[in-house]
Amino acid sequence: MKQFTYKTFGTCSQFIDIELDGDIVNNVNFIGGCAGNTQGVAALVKGMKVKDAITRLKGIDCHGKGTSCPDQLAIALEKMIS
């Protein structure tokens, strides 16, 4: 298992705690942000291959901020596998 805490930028959430099991997303927990949305994103990516999650989430924008909680998760996952 590989664990990582990512400090988010430009979103309501402040941090994302991520746990990978090889190339599979095992657990995601957003600290802050819209609870329903972040819990939904976390549930949807659980069990997903990291690269598939990145492809689906990268570039999603929230209210013209240029990023979003899902986009920040994609960036964090990229950092974890680089």
N, C-alpha and C. Protein backbone atom coordinates (compact mmCIF):
# COMPACT_ATOMS: atom_id res chain seq x y z
N MET A 1 0.84 -1.18 0.00
CA MET A 1 0.00 0.00 0.00
C MET A 1 0.88 1.25 0.00
N LYS A 2 0.48 2.21 -0.80
CA LYS A 2 1.18 3.49 -0.86
C LYS A 2 0.19 4.57 -0.43
N GLN A 3 0.60 5.42 0.52
CA GLN A 3 -0.27 6.47 1.02
C GLN A 3 0.34 7.83 0.72
N PHE A 4 -0.52 8.81 0.53
CA PHE A 4 -0.07 10.14 0.14
C PHE A 4 -1.11 11.15 0.60
N THR A 5 -0.66 12.27 1.14
CA THR A 5 -1.55 13.40 1.45
C THR A 5 -1.15 14.54 0.53
N TYR A 6 -2.13 15.05 -0.20
CA TYR A 6 -1.89 16.11 -1.18
C TYR A 6 -2.56 17.39 -0.71
N LYS A 7 -1.83 18.49 -0.72
CA LYS A 7 -2.36 19.82 -0.41
C LYS A 7 -2.97 20.37 -1.67
N THR A 8 -4.28 20.62 -1.66
CA THR A 8 -4.98 21.09 -2.85
C THR A 8 -4.79 22.59 -3.05
N PHE A 9 -5.04 23.04 -4.27
CA PHE A 9 -4.92 24.45 -4.63
C PHE A 9 -6.14 24.87 -5.44
N GLY A 10 -6.76 25.98 -5.08
CA GLY A 10 -7.86 26.54 -5.86
C GLY A 10 -9.20 25.87 -5.65
N THR A 11 -9.33 25.08 -4.59
CA THR A 11 -10.60 24.39 -4.31
C THR A 11 -11.02 24.61 -2.86
N CYS A 12 -12.25 24.25 -2.57
CA CYS A 12 -12.76 24.35 -1.19
C CYS A 12 -12.11 23.31 -0.29
N SER A 13 -11.78 22.15 -0.83
CA SER A 13 -11.09 21.14 -0.02
C SER A 13 -9.65 21.60 0.21
N GLN A 14 -9.09 21.22 1.36
CA GLN A 14 -7.73 21.64 1.68
C GLN A 14 -6.70 20.55 1.42
N PHE A 15 -7.09 19.30 1.62
CA PHE A 15 -6.18 18.17 1.47
C PHE A 15 -6.94 16.99 0.89
N ILE A 16 -6.18 16.06 0.28
CA ILE A 16 -6.75 14.78 -0.14
C ILE A 16 -5.82 13.69 0.38
N ASP A 17 -6.36 12.76 1.16
CA ASP A 17 -5.61 11.58 1.59
C ASP A 17 -5.94 10.46 0.61
N ILE A 18 -4.88 9.85 0.06
CA ILE A 18 -5.05 8.82 -0.97
C ILE A 18 -4.27 7.58 -0.58
N GLU A 19 -4.87 6.43 -0.82
CA GLU A 19 -4.20 5.14 -0.59
C GLU A 19 -4.33 4.32 -1.87
N LEU A 20 -3.18 3.87 -2.38
CA LEU A 20 -3.15 3.02 -3.57
C LEU A 20 -2.70 1.62 -3.19
N ASP A 21 -3.25 0.65 -3.87
CA ASP A 21 -2.79 -0.74 -3.77
C ASP A 21 -2.29 -1.11 -5.16
N GLY A 22 -0.98 -0.95 -5.36
CA GLY A 22 -0.42 -1.13 -6.70
C GLY A 22 -0.91 -0.01 -7.59
N ASP A 23 -1.58 -0.36 -8.70
CA ASP A 23 -2.11 0.66 -9.60
C ASP A 23 -3.62 0.84 -9.45
N ILE A 24 -4.14 0.45 -8.29
CA ILE A 24 -5.57 0.56 -8.00
C ILE A 24 -5.80 1.55 -6.87
N VAL A 25 -6.79 2.43 -7.05
CA VAL A 25 -7.17 3.37 -5.99
C VAL A 25 -7.91 2.57 -4.92
N ASN A 26 -7.35 2.55 -3.72
CA ASN A 26 -7.95 1.79 -2.62
C ASN A 26 -8.85 2.67 -1.76
N ASN A 27 -8.43 3.91 -1.51
CA ASN A 27 -9.21 4.80 -0.65
C ASN A 27 -8.85 6.24 -0.94
N VAL A 28 -9.86 7.12 -0.91
CA VAL A 28 -9.66 8.56 -1.07
C VAL A 28 -10.51 9.26 -0.02
N ASN A 29 -9.92 10.25 0.64
CA ASN A 29 -10.66 11.04 1.63
C ASN A 29 -10.30 12.51 1.43
N PHE A 30 -11.30 13.32 1.08
CA PHE A 30 -11.10 14.76 0.94
C PHE A 30 -11.29 15.41 2.30
N ILE A 31 -10.41 16.35 2.64
CA ILE A 31 -10.54 17.13 3.86
C ILE A 31 -11.07 18.50 3.44
N GLY A 32 -12.30 18.80 3.82
CA GLY A 32 -12.96 20.03 3.40
C GLY A 32 -13.67 19.81 2.08
N GLY A 33 -14.26 20.88 1.58
CA GLY A 33 -14.99 20.79 0.32
C GLY A 33 -16.44 20.40 0.53
N CYS A 34 -17.15 20.24 -0.55
CA CYS A 34 -18.57 19.86 -0.52
C CYS A 34 -18.66 18.37 -0.20
N ALA A 35 -19.11 18.06 0.99
CA ALA A 35 -19.08 16.68 1.49
C ALA A 35 -19.73 15.67 0.54
N GLY A 36 -20.90 15.97 0.04
CA GLY A 36 -21.58 15.03 -0.85
C GLY A 36 -20.81 14.78 -2.13
N ASN A 37 -20.31 15.85 -2.73
CA ASN A 37 -19.57 15.71 -3.99
C ASN A 37 -18.25 14.97 -3.78
N THR A 38 -17.51 15.34 -2.75
CA THR A 38 -16.21 14.70 -2.55
C THR A 38 -16.36 13.25 -2.14
N GLN A 39 -17.38 12.93 -1.35
CA GLN A 39 -17.63 11.53 -1.00
C GLN A 39 -18.04 10.74 -2.23
N GLY A 40 -18.81 11.37 -3.11
CA GLY A 40 -19.21 10.71 -4.35
C GLY A 40 -18.03 10.41 -5.26
N VAL A 41 -17.16 11.39 -5.43
CA VAL A 41 -15.95 11.18 -6.25
C VAL A 41 -15.10 10.08 -5.66
N ALA A 42 -14.91 10.12 -4.34
CA ALA A 42 -14.10 9.10 -3.66
C ALA A 42 -14.69 7.71 -3.87
N ALA A 43 -15.99 7.58 -3.77
CA ALA A 43 -16.64 6.28 -3.95
C ALA A 43 -16.52 5.80 -5.39
N LEU A 44 -16.62 6.71 -6.34
CA LEU A 44 -16.56 6.32 -7.75
C LEU A 44 -15.18 5.85 -8.18
N VAL A 45 -14.11 6.43 -7.61
CA VAL A 45 -12.77 6.03 -8.04
C VAL A 45 -12.24 4.82 -7.28
N LYS A 46 -12.88 4.46 -6.18
CA LYS A 46 -12.42 3.30 -5.41
C LYS A 46 -12.48 2.04 -6.28
N GLY A 47 -11.35 1.34 -6.35
CA GLY A 47 -11.26 0.13 -7.17
C GLY A 47 -10.86 0.40 -8.62
N MET A 48 -10.74 1.66 -8.98
CA MET A 48 -10.40 2.04 -10.35
C MET A 48 -8.88 2.06 -10.53
N LYS A 49 -8.43 1.74 -11.75
CA LYS A 49 -7.00 1.88 -12.05
C LYS A 49 -6.65 3.37 -12.02
N VAL A 50 -5.46 3.67 -11.48
CA VAL A 50 -5.03 5.06 -11.31
C VAL A 50 -5.08 5.82 -12.62
N LYS A 51 -4.54 5.26 -13.68
CA LYS A 51 -4.51 5.97 -14.98
C LYS A 51 -5.92 6.23 -15.52
N ASP A 52 -6.85 5.31 -15.28
CA ASP A 52 -8.23 5.52 -15.71
C ASP A 52 -8.87 6.67 -14.92
N ALA A 53 -8.60 6.73 -13.62
CA ALA A 53 -9.14 7.81 -12.79
C ALA A 53 -8.59 9.15 -13.25
N ILE A 54 -7.30 9.21 -13.54
CA ILE A 54 -6.68 10.45 -14.01
C ILE A 54 -7.34 10.90 -15.31
N THR A 55 -7.51 9.98 -16.24
CA THR A 55 -8.12 10.30 -17.54
C THR A 55 -9.52 10.86 -17.37
N ARG A 56 -10.29 10.30 -16.47
CA ARG A 56 -11.68 10.73 -16.29
C ARG A 56 -11.80 12.06 -15.54
N LEU A 57 -10.88 12.33 -14.62
CA LEU A 57 -11.03 13.49 -13.73
C LEU A 57 -10.24 14.73 -14.14
N LYS A 58 -9.15 14.54 -14.85
CA LYS A 58 -8.26 15.66 -15.17
C LYS A 58 -8.97 16.69 -16.04
N GLY A 59 -8.86 17.95 -15.64
CA GLY A 59 -9.40 19.05 -16.41
C GLY A 59 -10.82 19.46 -16.06
N ILE A 60 -11.46 18.75 -15.13
CA ILE A 60 -12.81 19.16 -14.71
C ILE A 60 -12.70 20.50 -13.98
N ASP A 61 -13.56 21.44 -14.37
CA ASP A 61 -13.51 22.79 -13.82
C ASP A 61 -14.71 23.05 -12.92
N CYS A 62 -14.49 23.81 -11.86
CA CYS A 62 -15.56 24.17 -10.93
C CYS A 62 -15.73 25.70 -10.94
N HIS A 63 -16.83 26.16 -11.48
CA HIS A 63 -17.18 27.59 -11.47
C HIS A 63 -16.09 28.49 -12.04
N GLY A 64 -15.41 28.06 -13.09
CA GLY A 64 -14.40 28.88 -13.75
C GLY A 64 -13.11 29.07 -12.96
N LYS A 65 -12.87 28.20 -11.98
CA LYS A 65 -11.66 28.30 -11.16
C LYS A 65 -10.43 27.75 -11.87
N GLY A 66 -10.65 27.00 -12.96
CA GLY A 66 -9.53 26.37 -13.65
C GLY A 66 -9.14 25.04 -13.05
N THR A 67 -9.83 24.64 -12.01
CA THR A 67 -9.59 23.35 -11.37
C THR A 67 -10.85 22.96 -10.59
N SER A 68 -10.80 21.84 -9.92
CA SER A 68 -11.92 21.35 -9.11
C SER A 68 -11.36 20.27 -8.19
N CYS A 69 -12.18 19.79 -7.28
CA CYS A 69 -11.74 18.69 -6.42
C CYS A 69 -11.38 17.45 -7.23
N PRO A 70 -12.21 17.06 -8.23
CA PRO A 70 -11.81 15.91 -9.06
C PRO A 70 -10.51 16.16 -9.81
N ASP A 71 -10.32 17.37 -10.35
CA ASP A 71 -9.08 17.70 -11.05
C ASP A 71 -7.89 17.64 -10.10
N GLN A 72 -8.06 18.14 -8.89
CA GLN A 72 -6.98 18.10 -7.91
C GLN A 72 -6.64 16.65 -7.55
N LEU A 73 -7.64 15.78 -7.49
CA LEU A 73 -7.38 14.36 -7.25
C LEU A 73 -6.56 13.78 -8.40
N ALA A 74 -6.89 14.13 -9.64
CA ALA A 74 -6.11 13.64 -10.79
C ALA A 74 -4.67 14.11 -10.70
N ILE A 75 -4.45 15.36 -10.33
CA ILE A 75 -3.09 15.89 -10.19
C ILE A 75 -2.34 15.14 -9.09
N ALA A 76 -3.00 14.90 -7.97
CA ALA A 76 -2.38 14.16 -6.87
C ALA A 76 -2.01 12.74 -7.30
N LEU A 77 -2.89 12.08 -8.04
CA LEU A 77 -2.61 10.72 -8.51
C LEU A 77 -1.43 10.73 -9.47
N GLU A 78 -1.35 11.73 -10.34
CA GLU A 78 -0.20 11.84 -11.23
C GLU A 78 1.11 11.96 -10.43
N LYS A 79 1.09 12.75 -9.39
CA LYS A 79 2.28 12.91 -8.54
C LYS A 79 2.66 11.58 -7.87
N MET A 80 1.65 10.82 -7.49
CA MET A 80 1.91 9.54 -6.82
C MET A 80 2.59 8.53 -7.73
N ILE A 81 2.25 8.55 -9.02
CA ILE A 81 2.80 7.54 -9.92
C ILE A 81 4.01 8.03 -10.71
N SER A 82 4.39 9.29 -10.53
CA SER A 82 5.54 9.81 -11.28
C SER A 82 6.84 9.51 -10.58
